[in-house]
């Protein structure tokens, strides 16, 4: 996952979302292997970094909401869902009020897995 993080950071530096898309795809593949807080936090971080490569704010928020929803669907119940739920709460403090609805599905799914 360390190499993938480096690729995601490079994609952000270049503002090259096509390079970040495979990072998101690989992260989605790793979701089902995540069964503890460190793995969950790493996957969330990779997703945040990868979507930051998009120069279009609306597209970035759409990709982030989709990615977080995928995480919420596939993470095991318990600690990983609690970690995701906490991260979504933290993201909401940085998100304009009009954009919060984008995260509602992921938030609800993560809450079901607590």
Protein backbone atom coordinates (compact mmCIF):
# COMPACT_ATOMS: atom_id res chain seq x y z
CA UNK A 1 0.00 0.00 0.00
CA UNK A 2 2.99 2.30 0.50
CA UNK A 3 3.75 2.40 -3.21
CA UNK A 4 0.12 3.13 -3.98
CA UNK A 5 0.25 6.07 -1.56
CA UNK A 6 3.27 7.45 -3.39
CA UNK A 7 1.47 7.17 -6.72
CA UNK A 8 -1.58 8.91 -5.26
CA UNK A 9 0.58 11.78 -3.97
CA UNK A 10 2.29 12.09 -7.34
CA UNK A 11 -1.11 12.22 -9.06
CA UNK A 12 -2.14 15.05 -6.74
CA UNK A 13 1.07 16.96 -7.39
CA UNK A 14 0.46 16.64 -11.13
CA UNK A 15 -3.32 17.21 -10.83
CA UNK A 16 -3.64 14.10 -12.98
CA UNK A 17 -6.82 12.28 -11.98
CA UNK A 18 -6.46 9.52 -14.61
CA UNK A 19 -3.40 8.36 -12.62
CA UNK A 20 -5.37 8.49 -9.37
CA UNK A 21 -8.22 6.34 -10.73
CA UNK A 22 -6.20 3.09 -10.55
CA UNK A 23 -5.28 4.01 -6.96
CA UNK A 24 -8.98 4.22 -6.12
CA UNK A 25 -9.63 0.94 -7.94
CA UNK A 26 -6.84 -0.83 -6.04
CA UNK A 27 -8.03 0.63 -2.76
CA UNK A 28 -11.53 -0.68 -3.46
CA UNK A 29 -10.01 -4.15 -3.95
CA UNK A 30 -8.27 -3.90 -0.58
CA UNK A 31 -11.45 -2.94 1.30
CA UNK A 32 -12.51 -6.49 2.05
CA UNK A 33 -9.09 -7.28 3.54
CA UNK A 34 -9.41 -4.41 6.00
CA UNK A 35 -10.32 -5.65 9.43
CA UNK A 36 -8.69 -3.18 11.78
CA UNK A 37 -8.39 0.55 12.36
CA UNK A 38 -4.93 1.07 10.78
CA UNK A 39 -5.98 -0.59 7.50
CA UNK A 40 -9.23 1.34 7.48
CA UNK A 41 -7.47 4.64 8.09
CA UNK A 42 -4.95 3.85 5.34
CA UNK A 43 -7.74 3.13 2.85
CA UNK A 44 -9.59 6.30 3.80
CA UNK A 45 -6.39 8.32 3.48
CA UNK A 46 -5.60 6.83 0.08
CA UNK A 47 -9.07 7.69 -1.13
CA UNK A 48 -8.79 11.27 0.12
CA UNK A 49 -5.41 11.72 -1.49
CA UNK A 50 -6.50 10.18 -4.78
CA UNK A 51 -9.63 12.29 -5.18
CA UNK A 52 -7.59 15.41 -4.44
CA UNK A 53 -5.93 14.87 -7.83
CA UNK A 54 -9.12 16.05 -9.51
CA UNK A 55 -9.02 19.73 -10.40
CA UNK A 56 -12.82 19.80 -10.51
CA UNK A 57 -14.28 20.22 -7.01
CA UNK A 58 -17.67 18.74 -7.90
CA UNK A 59 -16.12 15.69 -9.52
CA UNK A 60 -13.76 15.23 -6.57
CA UNK A 61 -16.66 15.30 -4.09
CA UNK A 62 -18.60 12.83 -6.24
CA UNK A 63 -15.62 10.46 -6.38
CA UNK A 64 -15.07 10.81 -2.63
CA UNK A 65 -18.72 10.13 -1.81
CA UNK A 66 -18.71 7.07 -4.07
CA UNK A 67 -15.48 5.78 -2.55
CA UNK A 68 -16.68 6.27 1.03
CA UNK A 69 -19.95 4.50 0.18
CA UNK A 70 -17.97 1.57 -1.23
CA UNK A 71 -15.93 1.47 1.97
CA UNK A 72 -19.08 1.52 4.09
CA UNK A 73 -20.64 -1.33 2.10
CA UNK A 74 -17.66 -3.64 2.34
CA UNK A 75 -15.92 -2.98 5.63
CA UNK A 76 -16.51 -5.54 8.34
CA UNK A 77 -18.73 -4.50 11.21
CA UNK A 78 -17.22 -3.18 14.38
CA UNK A 79 -13.97 -1.22 14.63
CA UNK A 80 -13.48 -0.56 10.89
CA UNK A 81 -17.01 0.88 10.58
CA UNK A 82 -16.48 3.00 13.70
CA UNK A 83 -13.25 4.32 12.18
CA UNK A 84 -15.00 5.17 8.93
CA UNK A 85 -17.88 6.80 10.76
CA UNK A 86 -15.45 8.98 12.72
CA UNK A 87 -13.60 9.96 9.56
CA UNK A 88 -16.85 10.93 7.87
CA UNK A 89 -17.71 13.11 10.87
CA UNK A 90 -14.31 14.78 10.57
CA UNK A 91 -14.82 15.30 6.82
CA UNK A 92 -18.19 16.91 7.46
CA UNK A 93 -16.51 19.64 9.50
CA UNK A 94 -14.43 20.54 6.43
CA UNK A 95 -17.27 20.30 3.92
CA UNK A 96 -19.62 23.19 3.06
CA UNK A 97 -23.14 22.64 4.40
CA UNK A 98 -24.64 22.41 0.91
CA UNK A 99 -22.36 19.47 0.06
CA UNK A 100 -23.01 17.36 3.18
CA UNK A 101 -25.80 15.37 1.52
CA UNK A 102 -23.17 13.69 -0.67
CA UNK A 103 -21.86 11.77 2.34
CA UNK A 104 -25.22 10.81 3.86
CA UNK A 105 -25.35 7.34 2.30
CA UNK A 106 -21.84 6.43 3.42
CA UNK A 107 -22.54 7.87 6.85
CA UNK A 108 -25.71 5.81 7.26
CA UNK A 109 -24.06 2.60 6.07
CA UNK A 110 -21.09 3.08 8.38
CA UNK A 111 -23.45 3.69 11.29
CA UNK A 112 -25.23 0.40 10.56
CA UNK A 113 -21.95 -1.45 10.94
CA UNK A 114 -21.10 -0.02 14.33
